[in-house]
Amino acid sequence: MKDLETRYLERLSDLYPTIAAASTEIINLQAILNLPKGTELVEESFMMCWKVM
């Protein structure tokens, strides 16, 4: 188990060698998670059309 954890952390350090790189990736992933899902966007557009009429 320890070997797997070490390999995982080493891989992460290869992908994100600095704190800034890791922070940027975290911010980008959080932004992606906050994007509306396709169905939410369609539903919101549909509701806006009905409010206008």
PDB file of N, CA and C in Angstrom:
ATOM      1  N   MET A   1       0.828  -1.193   0.000  1.00  0.00           N
ATOM      2  CA  MET A   1       0.000   0.000   0.000  1.00  0.00           C
ATOM      3  C   MET A   1       0.869   1.252   0.000  1.00  0.00           C
ATOM      4  N   LYS A   2       1.926   1.209   0.781  1.00  0.00           N
ATOM      5  CA  LYS A   2       2.822   2.356   0.872  1.00  0.00           C
ATOM      6  C   LYS A   2       3.471   2.642  -0.480  1.00  0.00           C
ATOM      7  N   ASP A   3       3.814   1.584  -1.207  1.00  0.00           N
ATOM      8  CA  ASP A   3       4.438   1.733  -2.519  1.00  0.00           C
ATOM      9  C   ASP A   3       3.481   2.421  -3.496  1.00  0.00           C
ATOM     10  N   LEU A   4       2.228   2.035  -3.468  1.00  0.00           N
ATOM     11  CA  LEU A   4       1.224   2.637  -4.342  1.00  0.00           C
ATOM     12  C   LEU A   4       1.041   4.117  -4.019  1.00  0.00           C
ATOM     13  N   GLU A   5       1.000   4.446  -2.749  1.00  0.00           N
ATOM     14  CA  GLU A   5       0.855   5.837  -2.331  1.00  0.00           C
ATOM     15  C   GLU A   5       2.062   6.664  -2.782  1.00  0.00           C
ATOM     16  N   THR A   6       3.241   6.105  -2.642  1.00  0.00           N
ATOM     17  CA  THR A   6       4.458   6.796  -3.068  1.00  0.00           C
ATOM     18  C   THR A   6       4.451   7.033  -4.567  1.00  0.00           C
ATOM     19  N   ARG A   7       4.062   6.021  -5.337  1.00  0.00           N
ATOM     20  CA  ARG A   7       3.993   6.170  -6.790  1.00  0.00           C
ATOM     21  C   ARG A   7       2.981   7.250  -7.174  1.00  0.00           C
ATOM     22  N   TYR A   8       1.855   7.275  -6.486  1.00  0.00           N
ATOM     23  CA  TYR A   8       0.813   8.264  -6.746  1.00  0.00           C
ATOM     24  C   TYR A   8       1.342   9.677  -6.485  1.00  0.00           C
ATOM     25  N   LEU A   9       1.978   9.870  -5.349  1.00  0.00           N
ATOM     26  CA  LEU A   9       2.496  11.194  -5.004  1.00  0.00           C
ATOM     27  C   LEU A   9       3.619  11.627  -5.938  1.00  0.00           C
ATOM     28  N   GLU A  10       4.453  10.675  -6.356  1.00  0.00           N
ATOM     29  CA  GLU A  10       5.514  10.999  -7.305  1.00  0.00           C
ATOM     30  C   GLU A  10       4.925  11.421  -8.651  1.00  0.00           C
ATOM     31  N   ARG A  11       3.878  10.746  -9.078  1.00  0.00           N
ATOM     32  CA  ARG A  11       3.225  11.105 -10.342  1.00  0.00           C
ATOM     33  C   ARG A  11       2.599  12.499 -10.254  1.00  0.00           C
ATOM     34  N   LEU A  12       1.957  12.788  -9.139  1.00  0.00           N
ATOM     35  CA  LEU A  12       1.400  14.123  -8.939  1.00  0.00           C
ATOM     36  C   LEU A  12       2.490  15.196  -8.962  1.00  0.00           C
ATOM     37  N   SER A  13       3.643  14.891  -8.373  1.00  0.00           N
ATOM     38  CA  SER A  13       4.731  15.867  -8.373  1.00  0.00           C
ATOM     39  C   SER A  13       5.308  16.056  -9.771  1.00  0.00           C
ATOM     40  N   ASP A  14       5.219  15.023 -10.614  1.00  0.00           N
ATOM     41  CA  ASP A  14       5.644  15.171 -12.011  1.00  0.00           C
ATOM     42  C   ASP A  14       4.670  16.072 -12.777  1.00  0.00           C
ATOM     43  N   LEU A  15       3.383  15.868 -12.550  1.00  0.00           N
ATOM     44  CA  LEU A  15       2.363  16.646 -13.253  1.00  0.00           C
ATOM     45  C   LEU A  15       2.302  18.094 -12.778  1.00  0.00           C
ATOM     46  N   TYR A  16       2.484  18.294 -11.486  1.00  0.00           N
ATOM     47  CA  TYR A  16       2.358  19.627 -10.884  1.00  0.00           C
ATOM     48  C   TYR A  16       3.595  19.892 -10.015  1.00  0.00           C
ATOM     49  N   PRO A  17       4.675  20.338 -10.657  1.00  0.00           N
ATOM     50  CA  PRO A  17       5.953  20.468  -9.950  1.00  0.00           C
ATOM     51  C   PRO A  17       6.023  21.618  -8.942  1.00  0.00           C
ATOM     52  N   THR A  18       5.107  22.574  -9.053  1.00  0.00           N
ATOM     53  CA  THR A  18       5.131  23.707  -8.118  1.00  0.00           C
ATOM     54  C   THR A  18       3.761  23.873  -7.465  1.00  0.00           C
ATOM     55  N   ILE A  19       3.751  24.622  -6.381  1.00  0.00           N
ATOM     56  CA  ILE A  19       2.484  24.920  -5.712  1.00  0.00           C
ATOM     57  C   ILE A  19       1.582  25.708  -6.658  1.00  0.00           C
ATOM     58  N   ALA A  20       2.173  26.609  -7.431  1.00  0.00           N
ATOM     59  CA  ALA A  20       1.388  27.412  -8.374  1.00  0.00           C
ATOM     60  C   ALA A  20       0.715  26.528  -9.418  1.00  0.00           C
ATOM     61  N   ALA A  21       1.430  25.533  -9.918  1.00  0.00           N
ATOM     62  CA  ALA A  21       0.859  24.630 -10.923  1.00  0.00           C
ATOM     63  C   ALA A  21      -0.290  23.815 -10.332  1.00  0.00           C
ATOM     64  N   ALA A  22      -0.119  23.324  -9.132  1.00  0.00           N
ATOM     65  CA  ALA A  22      -1.174  22.552  -8.469  1.00  0.00           C
ATOM     66  C   ALA A  22      -2.382  23.443  -8.180  1.00  0.00           C
ATOM     67  N   SER A  23      -2.133  24.659  -7.721  1.00  0.00           N
ATOM     68  CA  SER A  23      -3.224  25.596  -7.421  1.00  0.00           C
ATOM     69  C   SER A  23      -4.009  25.949  -8.675  1.00  0.00           C
ATOM     70  N   THR A  24      -3.305  26.185  -9.775  1.00  0.00           N
ATOM     71  CA  THR A  24      -3.967  26.505 -11.033  1.00  0.00           C
ATOM     72  C   THR A  24      -4.861  25.363 -11.478  1.00  0.00           C
ATOM     73  N   GLU A  25      -4.380  24.137 -11.358  1.00  0.00           N
ATOM     74  CA  GLU A  25      -5.171  22.978 -11.765  1.00  0.00           C
ATOM     75  C   GLU A  25      -6.414  22.832 -10.881  1.00  0.00           C
ATOM     76  N   ILE A  26      -6.270  23.054  -9.597  1.00  0.00           N
ATOM     77  CA  ILE A  26      -7.414  22.969  -8.683  1.00  0.00           C
ATOM     78  C   ILE A  26      -8.461  24.016  -9.051  1.00  0.00           C
ATOM     79  N   ILE A  27      -8.017  25.234  -9.328  1.00  0.00           N
ATOM     80  CA  ILE A  27      -8.945  26.305  -9.710  1.00  0.00           C
ATOM     81  C   ILE A  27      -9.659  25.957 -11.009  1.00  0.00           C
ATOM     82  N   ASN A  28      -8.917  25.446 -11.987  1.00  0.00           N
ATOM     83  CA  ASN A  28      -9.527  25.064 -13.264  1.00  0.00           C
ATOM     84  C   ASN A  28     -10.559  23.952 -13.084  1.00  0.00           C
ATOM     85  N   LEU A  29     -10.238  22.958 -12.274  1.00  0.00           N
ATOM     86  CA  LEU A  29     -11.179  21.854 -12.053  1.00  0.00           C
ATOM     87  C   LEU A  29     -12.430  22.335 -11.322  1.00  0.00           C
ATOM     88  N   GLN A  30     -12.268  23.245 -10.359  1.00  0.00           N
ATOM     89  CA  GLN A  30     -13.429  23.788  -9.668  1.00  0.00           C
ATOM     90  C   GLN A  30     -14.311  24.584 -10.627  1.00  0.00           C
ATOM     91  N   ALA A  31     -13.696  25.327 -11.534  1.00  0.00           N
ATOM     92  CA  ALA A  31     -14.466  26.088 -12.517  1.00  0.00           C
ATOM     93  C   ALA A  31     -15.253  25.156 -13.428  1.00  0.00           C
ATOM     94  N   ILE A  32     -14.636  24.063 -13.837  1.00  0.00           N
ATOM     95  CA  ILE A  32     -15.326  23.087 -14.688  1.00  0.00           C
ATOM     96  C   ILE A  32     -16.515  22.479 -13.953  1.00  0.00           C
ATOM     97  N   LEU A  33     -16.338  22.177 -12.684  1.00  0.00           N
ATOM     98  CA  LEU A  33     -17.436  21.593 -11.903  1.00  0.00           C
ATOM     99  C   LEU A  33     -18.604  22.563 -11.747  1.00  0.00           C
ATOM    100  N   ASN A  34     -18.325  23.868 -11.806  1.00  0.00           N
ATOM    101  CA  ASN A  34     -19.379  24.859 -11.637  1.00  0.00           C
ATOM    102  C   ASN A  34     -20.082  25.223 -12.933  1.00  0.00           C
ATOM    103  N   LEU A  35     -19.647  24.676 -14.062  1.00  0.00           N
ATOM    104  CA  LEU A  35     -20.330  24.942 -15.326  1.00  0.00           C
ATOM    105  C   LEU A  35     -21.710  24.279 -15.311  1.00  0.00           C
ATOM    106  N   PRO A  36     -22.686  24.902 -15.959  1.00  0.00           N
ATOM    107  CA  PRO A  36     -24.016  24.271 -15.993  1.00  0.00           C
ATOM    108  C   PRO A  36     -23.979  23.001 -16.834  1.00  0.00           C
ATOM    109  N   LYS A  37     -24.742  22.036 -16.398  1.00  0.00           N
ATOM    110  CA  LYS A  37     -24.865  20.799 -17.172  1.00  0.00           C
ATOM    111  C   LYS A  37     -25.776  21.082 -18.369  1.00  0.00           C
ATOM    112  N   GLY A  38     -25.674  20.298 -19.410  1.00  0.00           N
ATOM    113  CA  GLY A  38     -26.451  20.528 -20.616  1.00  0.00           C
ATOM    114  C   GLY A  38     -27.934  20.619 -20.358  1.00  0.00           C
ATOM    115  N   THR A  39     -28.456  19.742 -19.513  1.00  0.00           N
ATOM    116  CA  THR A  39     -29.894  19.750 -19.254  1.00  0.00           C
ATOM    117  C   THR A  39     -30.304  20.988 -18.474  1.00  0.00           C
ATOM    118  N   GLU A  40     -29.443  21.481 -17.603  1.00  0.00           N
ATOM    119  CA  GLU A  40     -29.770  22.690 -16.849  1.00  0.00           C
ATOM    120  C   GLU A  40     -29.849  23.878 -17.784  1.00  0.00           C
ATOM    121  N   LEU A  41     -28.944  23.948 -18.731  1.00  0.00           N
ATOM    122  CA  LEU A  41     -28.921  25.057 -19.667  1.00  0.00           C
ATOM    123  C   LEU A  41     -30.171  25.050 -20.541  1.00  0.00           C
ATOM    124  N   VAL A  42     -30.575  23.885 -21.023  1.00  0.00           N
ATOM    125  CA  VAL A  42     -31.768  23.772 -21.855  1.00  0.00           C
ATOM    126  C   VAL A  42     -33.001  24.133 -21.042  1.00  0.00           C
ATOM    127  N   GLU A  43     -33.088  23.637 -19.831  1.00  0.00           N
ATOM    128  CA  GLU A  43     -34.241  23.921 -18.980  1.00  0.00           C
ATOM    129  C   GLU A  43     -34.324  25.410 -18.676  1.00  0.00           C
ATOM    130  N   GLU A  44     -33.200  26.041 -18.388  1.00  0.00           N
ATOM    131  CA  GLU A  44     -33.192  27.468 -18.081  1.00  0.00           C
ATOM    132  C   GLU A  44     -33.626  28.280 -19.300  1.00  0.00           C
ATOM    133  N   SER A  45     -33.155  27.912 -20.475  1.00  0.00           N
ATOM    134  CA  SER A  45     -33.539  28.616 -21.705  1.00  0.00           C
ATOM    135  C   SER A  45     -35.029  28.453 -21.965  1.00  0.00           C
ATOM    136  N   PHE A  46     -35.537  27.255 -21.743  1.00  0.00           N
ATOM    137  CA  PHE A  46     -36.959  26.982 -21.939  1.00  0.00           C
ATOM    138  C   PHE A  46     -37.802  27.842 -21.001  1.00  0.00           C
ATOM    139  N   MET A  47     -37.380  27.925 -19.747  1.00  0.00           N
ATOM    140  CA  MET A  47     -38.134  28.708 -18.773  1.00  0.00           C
ATOM    141  C   MET A  47     -38.069  30.199 -19.100  1.00  0.00           C
ATOM    142  N   MET A  48     -36.938  30.671 -19.597  1.00  0.00           N
ATOM    143  CA  MET A  48     -36.822  32.079 -19.962  1.00  0.00           C
ATOM    144  C   MET A  48     -37.736  32.408 -21.130  1.00  0.00           C
ATOM    145  N   CYS A  49     -37.892  31.491 -22.075  1.00  0.00           N
ATOM    146  CA  CYS A  49     -38.785  31.722 -23.207  1.00  0.00           C
ATOM    147  C   CYS A  49     -40.230  31.861 -22.750  1.00  0.00           C
ATOM    148  N   TRP A  50     -40.642  31.030 -21.788  1.00  0.00           N
ATOM    149  CA  TRP A  50     -42.015  31.091 -21.313  1.00  0.00           C
ATOM    150  C   TRP A  50     -42.275  32.355 -20.519  1.00  0.00           C
ATOM    151  N   LYS A  51     -41.263  32.865 -19.800  1.00  0.00           N
ATOM    152  CA  LYS A  51     -41.443  34.092 -19.027  1.00  0.00           C
ATOM    153  C   LYS A  51     -41.624  35.285 -19.933  1.00  0.00           C
ATOM    154  N   VAL A  52     -40.968  35.286 -21.090  1.00  0.00           N
ATOM    155  CA  VAL A  52     -41.065  36.392 -22.029  1.00  0.00           C
ATOM    156  C   VAL A  52     -42.461  36.482 -22.634  1.00  0.00           C
ATOM    157  N   MET A  53     -43.089  35.348 -22.853  1.00  0.00           N
ATOM    158  CA  MET A  53     -44.400  35.336 -23.529  1.00  0.00           C
ATOM    159  C   MET A  53     -45.498  35.804 -22.626  1.00  0.00           C
TER     160      MET A  53
END
